Amino acid sequence: MEIFAATPRLILREIIPADEKGMFTLDADPEVHKYLGNQPVTSMEEVRSVIQFIRRQYVDNGIGRWAVIEKDTNLFLGWAGLKLITTPIHNRVNYYDLGYRLIKSCWGKGYATEAARAVRDYGFNRMGLPVIYGMTEVGNTGSRRVLEKTGLKYIESFEYEGLPHDFFGMTRPE
């Protein structure tokens, strides 16, 4: 199991099949899915399929979402990482999207920002990406704050899957 990054409180590592219980806790919560289309998972089989999909991205794209693990407790808190977007979203394609999702009990503790900054640094410093993007539904002020604290700047708003979204970006610092 590969560790991609570490912060003072977190380890970011590949998502593995043993993370299925944590992934279920995360993705079965309707509040977590409030700004994600309101389609929480309802079975472990769905979670296993998501884990397989993420692990396939590691192979196909060399990157994907990573498990966010609290160092002190070794607890699964959620995921954060880069995803190569290969289907057009608002006239953009083949770009890296910075994303994160945490179990509700972990909200408001700075974990998302800490993890997102580590992901950003990995993308710029290890992958040499020239730019990293992120998007969030307009009403998701918590996610917007994370993107802004990570250094991404608002670019524009657009409709995606019938809902208003904000698009953010950051170019690699010189």
Protein backbone atom coordinates (compact mmCIF):
# COMPACT_ATOMS: atom_id res chain seq x y z
CA MET A 1 0.00 0.00 0.00
CA GLU A 2 1.52 3.25 -1.17
CA ILE A 3 1.54 6.40 0.95
CA PHE A 4 1.39 9.48 -1.28
CA ALA A 5 1.59 12.27 1.28
CA ALA A 6 1.65 13.02 4.97
CA THR A 7 0.75 16.12 6.94
CA PRO A 8 1.08 16.84 10.65
CA ARG A 9 -2.21 15.00 11.36
CA LEU A 10 -2.90 12.92 8.27
CA ILE A 11 -1.63 10.16 6.02
CA LEU A 12 -2.87 10.10 2.43
CA ARG A 13 -2.56 6.63 0.94
CA GLU A 14 -4.15 4.54 -1.75
CA ILE A 15 -7.69 3.40 -1.09
CA ILE A 16 -7.75 -0.35 -0.51
CA PRO A 17 -10.57 -2.92 -0.23
CA ALA A 18 -10.19 -2.90 3.58
CA ASP A 19 -11.48 0.70 3.53
CA GLU A 20 -14.97 -0.45 2.55
CA LYS A 21 -16.57 0.10 5.97
CA GLY A 22 -15.23 3.65 6.18
CA MET A 23 -16.27 4.31 2.58
CA PHE A 24 -19.76 3.04 3.39
CA THR A 25 -20.01 5.32 6.45
CA LEU A 26 -18.94 8.21 4.23
CA ASP A 27 -21.05 7.58 1.17
CA ALA A 28 -24.22 6.29 2.84
CA ASP A 29 -24.72 9.59 4.70
CA PRO A 30 -27.34 11.77 2.97
CA GLU A 31 -25.76 14.92 4.45
CA VAL A 32 -22.42 14.06 2.84
CA HIS A 33 -24.26 13.70 -0.47
CA LYS A 34 -26.33 16.88 -0.12
CA TYR A 35 -24.23 18.67 -2.77
CA LEU A 36 -23.33 15.56 -4.74
CA GLY A 37 -26.66 14.78 -6.36
CA ASN A 38 -28.29 13.25 -3.27
CA GLN A 39 -27.54 9.65 -4.22
CA PRO A 40 -25.91 8.02 -1.19
CA VAL A 41 -24.92 4.38 -1.50
CA THR A 42 -27.20 1.76 -0.01
CA SER A 43 -25.08 -1.38 -0.11
CA MET A 44 -21.55 -2.62 0.45
CA GLU A 45 -21.58 -3.88 -3.14
CA GLU A 46 -21.89 -0.29 -4.36
CA VAL A 47 -18.95 0.71 -2.16
CA ARG A 48 -16.84 -2.16 -3.47
CA SER A 49 -17.60 -1.00 -7.00
CA VAL A 50 -16.51 2.57 -6.13
CA ILE A 51 -13.27 1.27 -4.61
CA GLN A 52 -12.57 -0.80 -7.74
CA PHE A 53 -13.26 2.27 -9.91
CA ILE A 54 -10.82 4.39 -7.88
CA ARG A 55 -8.16 1.68 -7.90
CA ARG A 56 -8.55 1.39 -11.70
CA GLN A 57 -7.76 5.12 -11.95
CA TYR A 58 -4.42 4.51 -10.20
CA VAL A 59 -3.55 2.06 -12.98
CA ASP A 60 -5.04 3.93 -15.93
CA ASN A 61 -4.14 7.50 -14.95
CA GLY A 62 -1.37 7.15 -12.38
CA ILE A 63 -3.47 9.11 -9.89
CA GLY A 64 -6.84 9.02 -8.14
CA ARG A 65 -8.54 9.76 -4.86
CA TRP A 66 -6.60 8.72 -1.73
CA ALA A 67 -7.74 7.56 1.68
CA VAL A 68 -7.37 10.24 4.36
CA ILE A 69 -6.20 8.54 7.55
CA GLU A 70 -5.79 10.23 10.92
CA LYS A 71 -2.24 9.54 12.12
CA ASP A 72 -3.01 9.31 15.85
CA THR A 73 -5.92 6.88 15.57
CA ASN A 74 -5.39 5.24 12.16
CA LEU A 75 -9.07 6.01 11.44
CA PHE A 76 -10.42 6.40 7.91
CA LEU A 77 -11.74 9.98 7.69
CA GLY A 78 -12.63 10.08 4.00
CA TRP A 79 -10.74 10.70 0.79
CA ALA A 80 -8.91 13.45 -1.08
CA GLY A 81 -6.98 13.45 -4.30
CA LEU A 82 -6.68 14.32 -7.94
CA LYS A 83 -8.87 12.84 -10.61
CA LEU A 84 -8.15 13.09 -14.32
CA ILE A 85 -11.36 14.37 -15.92
CA THR A 86 -11.55 12.87 -19.41
CA THR A 87 -15.14 13.70 -20.32
CA PRO A 88 -16.08 17.31 -21.03
CA ILE A 89 -17.41 19.38 -18.15
CA HIS A 90 -18.30 22.94 -19.14
CA ASN A 91 -16.10 22.83 -22.25
CA ARG A 92 -13.08 21.52 -20.34
CA VAL A 93 -11.54 18.10 -20.73
CA ASN A 94 -8.32 16.29 -19.73
CA TYR A 95 -7.65 18.26 -16.58
CA TYR A 96 -6.94 17.34 -12.98
CA ASP A 97 -9.72 17.95 -10.47
CA LEU A 98 -8.85 18.36 -6.79
CA GLY A 99 -11.56 16.71 -4.73
CA TYR A 100 -12.22 15.63 -1.15
CA ARG A 101 -14.99 14.07 0.87
CA LEU A 102 -14.97 13.50 4.62
CA ILE A 103 -17.18 11.66 7.09
CA LYS A 104 -19.51 14.21 8.70
CA SER A 105 -17.99 13.81 12.18
CA CYS A 106 -14.72 15.10 10.68
CA TRP A 107 -16.17 18.32 9.27
CA GLY A 108 -15.02 21.66 10.66
CA LYS A 109 -11.68 20.40 11.98
CA GLY A 110 -9.45 21.56 9.13
CA TYR A 111 -8.85 18.06 7.78
CA ALA A 112 -10.22 18.81 4.31
CA THR A 113 -7.98 21.86 3.88
CA GLU A 114 -4.95 20.01 5.25
CA ALA A 115 -5.55 17.10 2.89
CA ALA A 116 -6.34 19.35 -0.10
CA ARG A 117 -3.11 21.29 0.38
CA ALA A 118 -1.12 18.04 0.45
CA VAL A 119 -2.88 16.92 -2.75
CA ARG A 120 -2.19 20.29 -4.40
CA ASP A 121 1.49 20.09 -3.46
CA TYR A 122 1.74 16.54 -4.80
CA GLY A 123 0.15 17.60 -8.09
CA PHE A 124 2.48 20.54 -8.58
CA ASN A 125 5.70 19.17 -7.08
CA ARG A 126 5.59 15.45 -7.86
CA MET A 127 3.48 15.37 -11.02
CA GLY A 128 4.62 18.71 -12.41
CA LEU A 129 1.09 19.77 -13.28
CA PRO A 130 0.84 23.29 -14.71
CA VAL A 131 -2.66 23.86 -13.29
CA ILE A 132 -5.12 22.19 -10.90
CA TYR A 133 -8.86 22.77 -10.95
CA GLY A 134 -11.70 22.15 -8.54
CA MET A 135 -15.44 22.64 -8.59
CA THR A 136 -18.25 22.73 -6.10
CA GLU A 137 -21.98 23.23 -6.13
CA VAL A 138 -22.71 26.92 -5.51
CA GLY A 139 -24.46 26.28 -2.17
CA ASN A 140 -21.60 24.26 -0.72
CA THR A 141 -19.87 27.07 1.15
CA GLY A 142 -17.70 24.68 3.19
CA SER A 143 -16.19 23.13 0.08
CA ARG A 144 -15.74 26.56 -1.49
CA ARG A 145 -13.75 27.69 1.58
CA VAL A 146 -11.51 24.63 1.34
CA LEU A 147 -10.71 25.35 -2.32
CA GLU A 148 -9.99 29.01 -1.53
CA LYS A 149 -7.80 28.18 1.51
CA THR A 150 -5.93 25.73 -0.71
CA GLY A 151 -5.12 28.59 -3.09
CA LEU A 152 -7.56 27.93 -5.92
CA LYS A 153 -9.24 31.03 -7.31
CA TYR A 154 -12.79 31.37 -8.57
CA ILE A 155 -12.96 31.30 -12.38
CA GLU A 156 -16.65 31.11 -13.28
CA SER A 157 -20.05 29.63 -12.53
CA PHE A 158 -21.88 27.17 -14.79
CA GLU A 159 -24.60 24.58 -14.71
CA TYR A 160 -23.56 20.94 -14.28
CA GLU A 161 -26.06 18.09 -14.07
CA GLY A 162 -28.82 20.66 -13.68
CA LEU A 163 -27.27 22.47 -10.72
CA PRO A 164 -25.22 25.69 -10.47
CA HIS A 165 -21.51 25.07 -9.83
CA ASP A 166 -18.46 27.23 -9.29
CA PHE A 167 -15.19 26.40 -11.04
CA PHE A 168 -11.82 27.21 -9.45
CA GLY A 169 -8.22 26.91 -10.61
CA MET A 170 -4.62 27.45 -9.60
CA THR A 171 -1.49 27.53 -11.71
CA ARG A 172 1.75 26.07 -10.41
CA PRO A 173 3.72 28.64 -8.45
CA GLU A 174 7.08 29.55 -9.98
